[in-house]
Amino acid sequence: LSPPSGQWYVTHSTLALLMPVREGATIPLLWSFKGEPVSGERVMQRAGLDSDKPIDLFKVRTRDKGKPEAERPLAAYRSLVVTERREGLYSMPCAMGNSFINAKEQ
């Protein structure tokens, strides 16, 4: 099964999901740090996005609440990303020792 064009495919032992490119842009970056905590600013700068925190991209608009296609990326983000709020650090422990697959490279 290949994902629709322009979307990221994230694999993890218990997770396979599709995300729009904008939200998904932060996932491969966090994955590339192999579980090491990094600042939100660094992640957003490397993604080329204008926001302070990665989670800002995953917020569900009021009109989209209850729609699975809008809420799945946020649920995935919350299950994959560990946040140290006081320090402003983000990490993805499940990425330690794993590799990320970009569907566009397949």
PDB file of N, CA and C in Angstrom:
ATOM      1  N   LEU A   1       0.851  -1.186   0.000  1.00  0.00           N
ATOM      2  CA  LEU A   1       0.000   0.000   0.000  1.00  0.00           C
ATOM      3  C   LEU A   1       0.882   1.228   0.000  1.00  0.00           C
ATOM      4  N   SER A   2       0.738   2.076  -0.978  1.00  0.00           N
ATOM      5  CA  SER A   2       1.537   3.298  -0.989  1.00  0.00           C
ATOM      6  C   SER A   2       0.648   4.487  -0.680  1.00  0.00           C
ATOM      7  N   PRO A   3       1.198   5.444   0.079  1.00  0.00           N
ATOM      8  CA  PRO A   3       0.425   6.610   0.491  1.00  0.00           C
ATOM      9  C   PRO A   3       0.164   7.546  -0.678  1.00  0.00           C
ATOM     10  N   PRO A   4      -0.880   8.376  -0.542  1.00  0.00           N
ATOM     11  CA  PRO A   4      -1.152   9.358  -1.590  1.00  0.00           C
ATOM     12  C   PRO A   4       0.038  10.287  -1.784  1.00  0.00           C
ATOM     13  N   SER A   5       0.197  10.801  -2.975  1.00  0.00           N
ATOM     14  CA  SER A   5       1.282  11.718  -3.292  1.00  0.00           C
ATOM     15  C   SER A   5       1.243  12.936  -2.378  1.00  0.00           C
ATOM     16  N   GLY A   6       2.427  13.388  -1.953  1.00  0.00           N
ATOM     17  CA  GLY A   6       2.512  14.581  -1.126  1.00  0.00           C
ATOM     18  C   GLY A   6       2.266  14.339   0.347  1.00  0.00           C
ATOM     19  N   GLN A   7       2.284  13.070   0.793  1.00  0.00           N
ATOM     20  CA  GLN A   7       2.082  12.800   2.206  1.00  0.00           C
ATOM     21  C   GLN A   7       3.228  11.947   2.730  1.00  0.00           C
ATOM     22  N   TRP A   8       3.458  12.053   4.035  1.00  0.00           N
ATOM     23  CA  TRP A   8       4.517  11.276   4.681  1.00  0.00           C
ATOM     24  C   TRP A   8       3.959   9.952   5.154  1.00  0.00           C
ATOM     25  N   TYR A   9       4.758   8.933   5.091  1.00  0.00           N
ATOM     26  CA  TYR A   9       4.406   7.632   5.633  1.00  0.00           C
ATOM     27  C   TYR A   9       5.380   7.354   6.761  1.00  0.00           C
ATOM     28  N   VAL A  10       4.880   7.262   7.967  1.00  0.00           N
ATOM     29  CA  VAL A  10       5.713   7.050   9.140  1.00  0.00           C
ATOM     30  C   VAL A  10       5.534   5.612   9.579  1.00  0.00           C
ATOM     31  N   THR A  11       6.623   4.886   9.743  1.00  0.00           N
ATOM     32  CA  THR A  11       6.499   3.528  10.248  1.00  0.00           C
ATOM     33  C   THR A  11       7.095   3.431  11.634  1.00  0.00           C
ATOM     34  N   HIS A  12       6.494   2.651  12.455  1.00  0.00           N
ATOM     35  CA  HIS A  12       6.918   2.381  13.821  1.00  0.00           C
ATOM     36  C   HIS A  12       6.348   1.009  14.119  1.00  0.00           C
ATOM     37  N   SER A  13       6.865   0.313  15.113  1.00  0.00           N
ATOM     38  CA  SER A  13       6.443  -1.068  15.343  1.00  0.00           C
ATOM     39  C   SER A  13       4.928  -1.224  15.488  1.00  0.00           C
ATOM     40  N   THR A  14       4.245  -0.236  16.018  1.00  0.00           N
ATOM     41  CA  THR A  14       2.798  -0.360  16.196  1.00  0.00           C
ATOM     42  C   THR A  14       2.010   0.726  15.481  1.00  0.00           C
ATOM     43  N   LEU A  15       2.652   1.483  14.597  1.00  0.00           N
ATOM     44  CA  LEU A  15       1.980   2.626  14.002  1.00  0.00           C
ATOM     45  C   LEU A  15       2.307   2.790  12.535  1.00  0.00           C
ATOM     46  N   ALA A  16       1.285   2.995  11.739  1.00  0.00           N
ATOM     47  CA  ALA A  16       1.477   3.379  10.334  1.00  0.00           C
ATOM     48  C   ALA A  16       0.381   4.387  10.026  1.00  0.00           C
ATOM     49  N   LEU A  17       0.758   5.561   9.607  1.00  0.00           N
ATOM     50  CA  LEU A  17      -0.236   6.589   9.369  1.00  0.00           C
ATOM     51  C   LEU A  17       0.176   7.528   8.268  1.00  0.00           C
ATOM     52  N   LEU A  18      -0.786   8.277   7.801  1.00  0.00           N
ATOM     53  CA  LEU A  18      -0.528   9.277   6.765  1.00  0.00           C
ATOM     54  C   LEU A  18      -0.733  10.657   7.358  1.00  0.00           C
ATOM     55  N   MET A  19       0.127  11.586   6.993  1.00  0.00           N
ATOM     56  CA  MET A  19       0.009  12.967   7.455  1.00  0.00           C
ATOM     57  C   MET A  19       0.204  13.913   6.295  1.00  0.00           C
ATOM     58  N   PRO A  20      -0.528  15.019   6.311  1.00  0.00           N
ATOM     59  CA  PRO A  20      -0.256  16.046   5.303  1.00  0.00           C
ATOM     60  C   PRO A  20       1.184  16.538   5.444  1.00  0.00           C
ATOM     61  N   VAL A  21       1.759  17.002   4.370  1.00  0.00           N
ATOM     62  CA  VAL A  21       3.165  17.402   4.350  1.00  0.00           C
ATOM     63  C   VAL A  21       3.480  18.455   5.407  1.00  0.00           C
ATOM     64  N   ARG A  22       2.635  19.467   5.563  1.00  0.00           N
ATOM     65  CA  ARG A  22       2.913  20.540   6.527  1.00  0.00           C
ATOM     66  C   ARG A  22       3.115  19.984   7.929  1.00  0.00           C
ATOM     67  N   GLU A  23       2.180  19.172   8.415  1.00  0.00           N
ATOM     68  CA  GLU A  23       2.319  18.582   9.739  1.00  0.00           C
ATOM     69  C   GLU A  23       3.448  17.556   9.755  1.00  0.00           C
ATOM     70  N   GLY A  24       3.500  16.766   8.704  1.00  0.00           N
ATOM     71  CA  GLY A  24       4.489  15.710   8.636  1.00  0.00           C
ATOM     72  C   GLY A  24       5.920  16.182   8.490  1.00  0.00           C
ATOM     73  N   ALA A  25       6.122  17.439   8.137  1.00  0.00           N
ATOM     74  CA  ALA A  25       7.479  17.962   7.973  1.00  0.00           C
ATOM     75  C   ALA A  25       8.270  17.891   9.266  1.00  0.00           C
ATOM     76  N   THR A  26       7.609  18.000  10.395  1.00  0.00           N
ATOM     77  CA  THR A  26       8.317  17.958  11.680  1.00  0.00           C
ATOM     78  C   THR A  26       8.678  16.535  12.092  1.00  0.00           C
ATOM     79  N   ILE A  27       7.913  15.571  11.653  1.00  0.00           N
ATOM     80  CA  ILE A  27       8.137  14.184  12.071  1.00  0.00           C
ATOM     81  C   ILE A  27       9.484  13.642  11.583  1.00  0.00           C
ATOM     82  N   PRO A  28       9.822  13.757  10.294  1.00  0.00           N
ATOM     83  CA  PRO A  28      11.133  13.232   9.881  1.00  0.00           C
ATOM     84  C   PRO A  28      12.293  13.991  10.511  1.00  0.00           C
ATOM     85  N   LEU A  29      12.098  15.263  10.808  1.00  0.00           N
ATOM     86  CA  LEU A  29      13.169  16.020  11.463  1.00  0.00           C
ATOM     87  C   LEU A  29      13.405  15.499  12.876  1.00  0.00           C
ATOM     88  N   LEU A  30      12.342  15.340  13.635  1.00  0.00           N
ATOM     89  CA  LEU A  30      12.503  14.799  14.984  1.00  0.00           C
ATOM     90  C   LEU A  30      13.079  13.384  14.920  1.00  0.00           C
ATOM     91  N   TRP A  31      12.642  12.623  13.943  1.00  0.00           N
ATOM     92  CA  TRP A  31      13.145  11.254  13.761  1.00  0.00           C
ATOM     93  C   TRP A  31      14.645  11.277  13.498  1.00  0.00           C
ATOM     94  N   SER A  32      15.104  12.256  12.720  1.00  0.00           N
ATOM     95  CA  SER A  32      16.517  12.315  12.347  1.00  0.00           C
ATOM     96  C   SER A  32      17.442  12.558  13.536  1.00  0.00           C
ATOM     97  N   PHE A  33      16.908  13.075  14.634  1.00  0.00           N
ATOM     98  CA  PHE A  33      17.726  13.303  15.828  1.00  0.00           C
ATOM     99  C   PHE A  33      17.842  12.042  16.681  1.00  0.00           C
ATOM    100  N   LYS A  34      17.245  10.953  16.216  1.00  0.00           N
ATOM    101  CA  LYS A  34      17.369   9.626  16.840  1.00  0.00           C
ATOM    102  C   LYS A  34      17.097   9.634  18.343  1.00  0.00           C
ATOM    103  N   GLY A  35      16.031  10.312  18.733  1.00  0.00           N
ATOM    104  CA  GLY A  35      15.611  10.296  20.131  1.00  0.00           C
ATOM    105  C   GLY A  35      16.246  11.358  21.003  1.00  0.00           C
ATOM    106  N   GLU A  36      17.218  12.089  20.480  1.00  0.00           N
ATOM    107  CA  GLU A  36      17.867  13.143  21.255  1.00  0.00           C
ATOM    108  C   GLU A  36      16.939  14.357  21.369  1.00  0.00           C
ATOM    109  N   PRO A  37      16.809  14.935  22.553  1.00  0.00           N
ATOM    110  CA  PRO A  37      15.975  16.132  22.713  1.00  0.00           C
ATOM    111  C   PRO A  37      16.575  17.333  21.966  1.00  0.00           C
ATOM    112  N   VAL A  38      15.729  18.061  21.254  1.00  0.00           N
ATOM    113  CA  VAL A  38      16.144  19.267  20.524  1.00  0.00           C
ATOM    114  C   VAL A  38      15.124  20.364  20.785  1.00  0.00           C
ATOM    115  N   SER A  39      15.559  21.607  20.634  1.00  0.00           N
ATOM    116  CA  SER A  39      14.653  22.725  20.893  1.00  0.00           C
ATOM    117  C   SER A  39      13.603  22.827  19.792  1.00  0.00           C
ATOM    118  N   GLY A  40      12.433  23.307  20.173  1.00  0.00           N
ATOM    119  CA  GLY A  40      11.366  23.515  19.210  1.00  0.00           C
ATOM    120  C   GLY A  40      11.771  24.484  18.118  1.00  0.00           C
ATOM    121  N   GLU A  41      12.528  25.517  18.504  1.00  0.00           N
ATOM    122  CA  GLU A  41      13.005  26.497  17.524  1.00  0.00           C
ATOM    123  C   GLU A  41      13.858  25.824  16.447  1.00  0.00           C
ATOM    124  N   ARG A  42      14.749  24.956  16.879  1.00  0.00           N
ATOM    125  CA  ARG A  42      15.639  24.274  15.929  1.00  0.00           C
ATOM    126  C   ARG A  42      14.846  23.408  14.953  1.00  0.00           C
ATOM    127  N   VAL A  43      13.864  22.676  15.483  1.00  0.00           N
ATOM    128  CA  VAL A  43      13.038  21.826  14.633  1.00  0.00           C
ATOM    129  C   VAL A  43      12.296  22.667  13.602  1.00  0.00           C
ATOM    130  N   MET A  44      11.682  23.764  14.052  1.00  0.00           N
ATOM    131  CA  MET A  44      10.875  24.587  13.157  1.00  0.00           C
ATOM    132  C   MET A  44      11.740  25.312  12.131  1.00  0.00           C
ATOM    133  N   GLN A  45      12.934  25.747  12.529  1.00  0.00           N
ATOM    134  CA  GLN A  45      13.840  26.391  11.574  1.00  0.00           C
ATOM    135  C   GLN A  45      14.259  25.408  10.487  1.00  0.00           C
ATOM    136  N   ARG A  46      14.634  24.195  10.897  1.00  0.00           N
ATOM    137  CA  ARG A  46      15.073  23.193   9.915  1.00  0.00           C
ATOM    138  C   ARG A  46      13.939  22.769   9.003  1.00  0.00           C
ATOM    139  N   ALA A  47      12.701  22.831   9.511  1.00  0.00           N
ATOM    140  CA  ALA A  47      11.543  22.479   8.680  1.00  0.00           C
ATOM    141  C   ALA A  47      11.158  23.630   7.755  1.00  0.00           C
ATOM    142  N   GLY A  48      11.734  24.804   8.030  1.00  0.00           N
ATOM    143  CA  GLY A  48      11.415  25.969   7.213  1.00  0.00           C
ATOM    144  C   GLY A  48      10.023  26.509   7.480  1.00  0.00           C
ATOM    145  N   LEU A  49       9.541  26.295   8.710  1.00  0.00           N
ATOM    146  CA  LEU A  49       8.189  26.723   9.065  1.00  0.00           C
ATOM    147  C   LEU A  49       8.230  27.828  10.105  1.00  0.00           C
ATOM    148  N   ASP A  50       7.255  28.701  10.041  1.00  0.00           N
ATOM    149  CA  ASP A  50       7.199  29.868  10.919  1.00  0.00           C
ATOM    150  C   ASP A  50       6.272  29.602  12.099  1.00  0.00           C
ATOM    151  N   SER A  51       6.813  28.974  13.123  1.00  0.00           N
ATOM    152  CA  SER A  51       6.070  28.685  14.344  1.00  0.00           C
ATOM    153  C   SER A  51       7.089  28.457  15.448  1.00  0.00           C
ATOM    154  N   ASP A  52       6.657  28.609  16.682  1.00  0.00           N
ATOM    155  CA  ASP A  52       7.569  28.406  17.805  1.00  0.00           C
ATOM    156  C   ASP A  52       7.669  26.953  18.239  1.00  0.00           C
ATOM    157  N   LYS A  53       6.553  26.224  18.098  1.00  0.00           N
ATOM    158  CA  LYS A  53       6.500  24.859  18.604  1.00  0.00           C
ATOM    159  C   LYS A  53       5.956  23.913  17.543  1.00  0.00           C
ATOM    160  N   PRO A  54       6.519  22.718  17.453  1.00  0.00           N
ATOM    161  CA  PRO A  54       6.022  21.753  16.473  1.00  0.00           C
ATOM    162  C   PRO A  54       4.534  21.441  16.627  1.00  0.00           C
ATOM    163  N   ILE A  55       4.045  21.380  17.844  1.00  0.00           N
ATOM    164  CA  ILE A  55       2.636  21.014  18.038  1.00  0.00           C
ATOM    165  C   ILE A  55       1.674  22.038  17.433  1.00  0.00           C
ATOM    166  N   ASP A  56       2.138  23.264  17.238  1.00  0.00           N
ATOM    167  CA  ASP A  56       1.274  24.288  16.631  1.00  0.00           C
ATOM    168  C   ASP A  56       0.729  23.832  15.279  1.00  0.00           C
ATOM    169  N   LEU A  57       1.485  23.036  14.566  1.00  0.00           N
ATOM    170  CA  LEU A  57       1.069  22.566  13.246  1.00  0.00           C
ATOM    171  C   LEU A  57      -0.017  21.507  13.310  1.00  0.00           C
ATOM    172  N   PHE A  58      -0.178  20.884  14.475  1.00  0.00           N
ATOM    173  CA  PHE A  58      -1.104  19.768  14.611  1.00  0.00           C
ATOM    174  C   PHE A  58      -2.435  20.158  15.250  1.00  0.00           C
ATOM    175  N   LYS A  59      -2.616  21.416  15.583  1.00  0.00           N
ATOM    176  CA  LYS A  59      -3.860  21.844  16.219  1.00  0.00           C
ATOM    177  C   LYS A  59      -5.038  21.606  15.282  1.00  0.00           C
ATOM    178  N   VAL A  60      -6.135  21.123  15.870  1.00  0.00           N
ATOM    179  CA  VAL A  60      -7.335  20.832  15.099  1.00  0.00           C
ATOM    180  C   VAL A  60      -8.267  22.035  15.170  1.00  0.00           C
ATOM    181  N   ARG A  61      -8.684  22.525  14.013  1.00  0.00           N
ATOM    182  CA  ARG A  61      -9.599  23.665  13.969  1.00  0.00           C
ATOM    183  C   ARG A  61     -10.956  23.251  14.518  1.00  0.00           C
ATOM    184  N   THR A  62     -11.662  24.204  15.083  1.00  0.00           N
ATOM    185  CA  THR A  62     -12.971  23.947  15.669  1.00  0.00           C
ATOM    186  C   THR A  62     -13.897  23.257  14.673  1.00  0.00           C
ATOM    187  N   ARG A  63     -13.913  23.714  13.434  1.00  0.00           N
ATOM    188  CA  ARG A  63     -14.810  23.132  12.425  1.00  0.00           C
ATOM    189  C   ARG A  63     -14.435  21.690  12.067  1.00  0.00           C
ATOM    190  N   ASP A  64     -13.182  21.287  12.387  1.00  0.00           N
ATOM    191  CA  ASP A  64     -12.726  19.943  12.050  1.00  0.00           C
ATOM    192  C   ASP A  64     -12.752  18.974  13.227  1.00  0.00           C
ATOM    193  N   LYS A  65     -13.148  19.444  14.400  1.00  0.00           N
ATOM    194  CA  LYS A  65     -13.202  18.557  15.572  1.00  0.00           C
ATOM    195  C   LYS A  65     -14.161  17.405  15.299  1.00  0.00           C
ATOM    196  N   GLY A  66     -13.734  16.227  15.660  1.00  0.00           N
ATOM    197  CA  GLY A  66     -14.538  15.038  15.435  1.00  0.00           C
ATOM    198  C   GLY A  66     -14.275  14.354  14.105  1.00  0.00           C
ATOM    199  N   LYS A  67     -13.534  14.988  13.226  1.00  0.00           N
ATOM    200  CA  LYS A  67     -13.193  14.388  11.933  1.00  0.00           C
ATOM    201  C   LYS A  67     -11.888  13.607  12.091  1.00  0.00           C
ATOM    202  N   PRO A  68     -11.937  12.298  11.889  1.00  0.00           N
ATOM    203  CA  PRO A  68     -10.723  11.487  12.076  1.00  0.00           C
ATOM    204  C   PRO A  68      -9.521  11.958  11.255  1.00  0.00           C
ATOM    205  N   GLU A  69      -9.751  12.385  10.018  1.00  0.00           N
ATOM    206  CA  GLU A  69      -8.631  12.807   9.182  1.00  0.00           C
ATOM    207  C   GLU A  69      -7.943  14.044   9.723  1.00  0.00           C
ATOM    208  N   ALA A  70      -8.649  14.836  10.524  1.00  0.00           N
ATOM    209  CA  ALA A  70      -8.064  16.029  11.132  1.00  0.00           C
ATOM    210  C   ALA A  70      -7.437  15.712  12.490  1.00  0.00           C
ATOM    211  N   GLU A  71      -7.981  14.738  13.193  1.00  0.00           N
ATOM    212  CA  GLU A  71      -7.507  14.442  14.545  1.00  0.00           C
ATOM    213  C   GLU A  71      -6.410  13.381  14.594  1.00  0.00           C
ATOM    214  N   ARG A  72      -6.296  12.539  13.576  1.00  0.00           N
ATOM    215  CA  ARG A  72      -5.263  11.493  13.577  1.00  0.00           C
ATOM    216  C   ARG A  72      -3.839  12.037  13.659  1.00  0.00           C
ATOM    217  N   PRO A  73      -3.478  13.062  12.872  1.00  0.00           N
ATOM    218  CA  PRO A  73      -2.101  13.562  12.981  1.00  0.00           C
ATOM    219  C   PRO A  73      -1.755  14.057  14.389  1.00  0.00           C
ATOM    220  N   LEU A  74      -2.691  14.729  15.061  1.00  0.00           N
ATOM    221  CA  LEU A  74      -2.446  15.206  16.427  1.00  0.00           C
ATOM    222  C   LEU A  74      -2.281  14.023  17.374  1.00  0.00           C
ATOM    223  N   ALA A  75      -3.137  13.016  17.232  1.00  0.00           N
ATOM    224  CA  ALA A  75      -3.025  11.829  18.087  1.00  0.00           C
ATOM    225  C   ALA A  75      -1.686  11.129  17.874  1.00  0.00           C
ATOM    226  N   ALA A  76      -1.256  11.044  16.620  1.00  0.00           N
ATOM    227  CA  ALA A  76       0.041  10.416  16.323  1.00  0.00           C
ATOM    228  C   ALA A  76       1.181  11.225  16.919  1.00  0.00           C
ATOM    229  N   TYR A  77       1.120  12.540  16.745  1.00  0.00           N
ATOM    230  CA  TYR A  77       2.151  13.426  17.301  1.00  0.00           C
ATOM    231  C   TYR A  77       2.253  13.214  18.809  1.00  0.00           C
ATOM    232  N   ARG A  78       1.115  13.226  19.482  1.00  0.00           N
ATOM    233  CA  ARG A  78       1.117  13.068  20.953  1.00  0.00           C
ATOM    234  C   ARG A  78       1.639  11.711  21.390  1.00  0.00           C
ATOM    235  N   SER A  79       1.433  10.680  20.571  1.00  0.00           N
ATOM    236  CA  SER A  79       1.923   9.366  20.970  1.00  0.00           C
ATOM    237  C   SER A  79       3.401   9.159  20.630  1.00  0.00           C
ATOM    238  N   LEU A  80       3.919   9.897  19.642  1.00  0.00           N
ATOM    239  CA  LEU A  80       5.306   9.721  19.219  1.00  0.00           C
ATOM    240  C   LEU A  80       6.293  10.698  19.844  1.00  0.00           C
ATOM    241  N   VAL A  81       5.848  11.919  20.111  1.00  0.00           N
ATOM    242  CA  VAL A  81       6.756  12.988  20.530  1.00  0.00           C
ATOM    243  C   VAL A  81       6.673  13.215  22.036  1.00  0.00           C
ATOM    244  N   VAL A  82       7.837  13.247  22.658  1.00  0.00           N
ATOM    245  CA  VAL A  82       7.943  13.553  24.090  1.00  0.00           C
ATOM    246  C   VAL A  82       8.362  15.006  24.212  1.00  0.00           C
ATOM    247  N   THR A  83       7.629  15.747  25.019  1.00  0.00           N
ATOM    248  CA  THR A  83       7.891  17.176  25.188  1.00  0.00           C
ATOM    249  C   THR A  83       8.355  17.469  26.606  1.00  0.00           C
ATOM    250  N   GLU A  84       9.449  18.213  26.703  1.00  0.00           N
ATOM    251  CA  GLU A  84       9.904  18.735  27.995  1.00  0.00           C
ATOM    252  C   GLU A  84       9.572  20.224  27.953  1.00  0.00           C
ATOM    253  N   ARG A  85       8.375  20.553  28.412  1.00  0.00           N
ATOM    254  CA  ARG A  85       7.831  21.900  28.226  1.00  0.00           C
ATOM    255  C   ARG A  85       8.687  23.007  28.823  1.00  0.00           C
ATOM    256  N   ARG A  86       9.133  22.836  30.041  1.00  0.00           N
ATOM    257  CA  ARG A  86       9.927  23.902  30.681  1.00  0.00           C
ATOM    258  C   ARG A  86      11.173  24.241  29.891  1.00  0.00           C
ATOM    259  N   GLU A  87      11.820  23.208  29.375  1.00  0.00           N
ATOM    260  CA  GLU A  87      13.059  23.410  28.631  1.00  0.00           C
ATOM    261  C   GLU A  87      12.798  23.713  27.152  1.00  0.00           C
ATOM    262  N   GLY A  88      11.557  23.478  26.692  1.00  0.00           N
ATOM    263  CA  GLY A  88      11.236  23.700  25.286  1.00  0.00           C
ATOM    264  C   GLY A  88      11.873  22.669  24.375  1.00  0.00           C
ATOM    265  N   LEU A  89      12.043  21.442  24.888  1.00  0.00           N
ATOM    266  CA  LEU A  89      12.705  20.383  24.126  1.00  0.00           C
ATOM    267  C   LEU A  89      11.709  19.339  23.640  1.00  0.00           C
ATOM    268  N   TYR A  90      12.014  18.788  22.474  1.00  0.00           N
ATOM    269  CA  TYR A  90      11.167  17.784  21.846  1.00  0.00           C
ATOM    270  C   TYR A  90      12.033  16.610  21.427  1.00  0.00           C
ATOM    271  N   SER A  91      11.508  15.401  21.600  1.00  0.00           N
ATOM    272  CA  SER A  91      12.251  14.213  21.169  1.00  0.00           C
ATOM    273  C   SER A  91      11.267  13.135  20.724  1.00  0.00           C
ATOM    274  N   MET A  92      11.811  12.162  20.017  1.00  0.00           N
ATOM    275  CA  MET A  92      11.028  11.036  19.542  1.00  0.00           C
ATOM    276  C   MET A  92      11.781   9.762  19.908  1.00  0.00           C
ATOM    277  N   PRO A  93      11.596   9.270  21.141  1.00  0.00           N
ATOM    278  CA  PRO A  93      12.346   8.106  21.611  1.00  0.00           C
ATOM    279  C   PRO A  93      12.207   6.870  20.724  1.00  0.00           C
ATOM    280  N   CYS A  94      11.072   6.722  20.055  1.00  0.00           N
ATOM    281  CA  CYS A  94      10.892   5.543  19.201  1.00  0.00           C
ATOM    282  C   CYS A  94      11.822   5.550  17.994  1.00  0.00           C
ATOM    283  N   ALA A  95      12.476   6.677  17.723  1.00  0.00           N
ATOM    284  CA  ALA A  95      13.377   6.779  16.568  1.00  0.00           C
ATOM    285  C   ALA A  95      14.779   6.272  16.866  1.00  0.00           C
ATOM    286  N   MET A  96      15.072   5.954  18.108  1.00  0.00           N
ATOM    287  CA  MET A  96      16.408   5.453  18.432  1.00  0.00           C
ATOM    288  C   MET A  96      16.650   4.133  17.717  1.00  0.00           C
ATOM    289  N   GLY A  97      17.641   4.130  16.840  1.00  0.00           N
ATOM    290  CA  GLY A  97      18.019   2.903  16.157  1.00  0.00           C
ATOM    291  C   GLY A  97      17.127   2.506  14.996  1.00  0.00           C
ATOM    292  N   ASN A  98      16.179   3.346  14.621  1.00  0.00           N
ATOM    293  CA  ASN A  98      15.289   3.043  13.502  1.00  0.00           C
ATOM    294  C   ASN A  98      15.562   4.003  12.360  1.00  0.00           C
ATOM    295  N   SER A  99      14.992   3.722  11.219  1.00  0.00           N
ATOM    296  CA  SER A  99      15.148   4.632  10.085  1.00  0.00           C
ATOM    297  C   SER A  99      13.780   5.126   9.639  1.00  0.00           C
ATOM    298  N   PHE A 100      13.760   6.298   9.049  1.00  0.00           N
ATOM    299  CA  PHE A 100      12.535   6.926   8.586  1.00  0.00           C
ATOM    300  C   PHE A 100      12.412   6.741   7.090  1.00  0.00           C
ATOM    301  N   ILE A 101      11.215   6.491   6.638  1.00  0.00           N
ATOM    302  CA  ILE A 101      10.983   6.306   5.211  1.00  0.00           C
ATOM    303  C   ILE A 101      10.155   7.464   4.688  1.00  0.00           C
ATOM    304  N   ASN A 102      10.648   8.146   3.702  1.00  0.00           N
ATOM    305  CA  ASN A 102       9.905   9.199   3.046  1.00  0.00           C
ATOM    306  C   ASN A 102       9.248   8.570   1.833  1.00  0.00           C
ATOM    307  N   ALA A 103       7.916   8.619   1.800  1.00  0.00           N
ATOM    308  CA  ALA A 103       7.171   7.969   0.729  1.00  0.00           C
ATOM    309  C   ALA A 103       7.584   8.474  -0.650  1.00  0.00           C
ATOM    310  N   LYS A 104       8.010   9.720  -0.730  1.00  0.00           N
ATOM    311  CA  LYS A 104       8.396  10.268  -2.029  1.00  0.00           C
ATOM    312  C   LYS A 104       9.667   9.631  -2.566  1.00  0.00           C
ATOM    313  N   GLU A 105      10.454   9.017  -1.692  1.00  0.00           N
ATOM    314  CA  GLU A 105      11.701   8.390  -2.123  1.00  0.00           C
ATOM    315  C   GLU A 105      11.480   6.926  -2.506  1.00  0.00           C
ATOM    316  N   GLN A 106      10.322   6.391  -2.244  1.00  0.00           N
ATOM    317  CA  GLN A 106      10.030   4.976  -2.516  1.00  0.00           C
ATOM    318  C   GLN A 106       9.832   4.724  -3.988  1.00  0.00           C
TER     319      GLN A 106
END
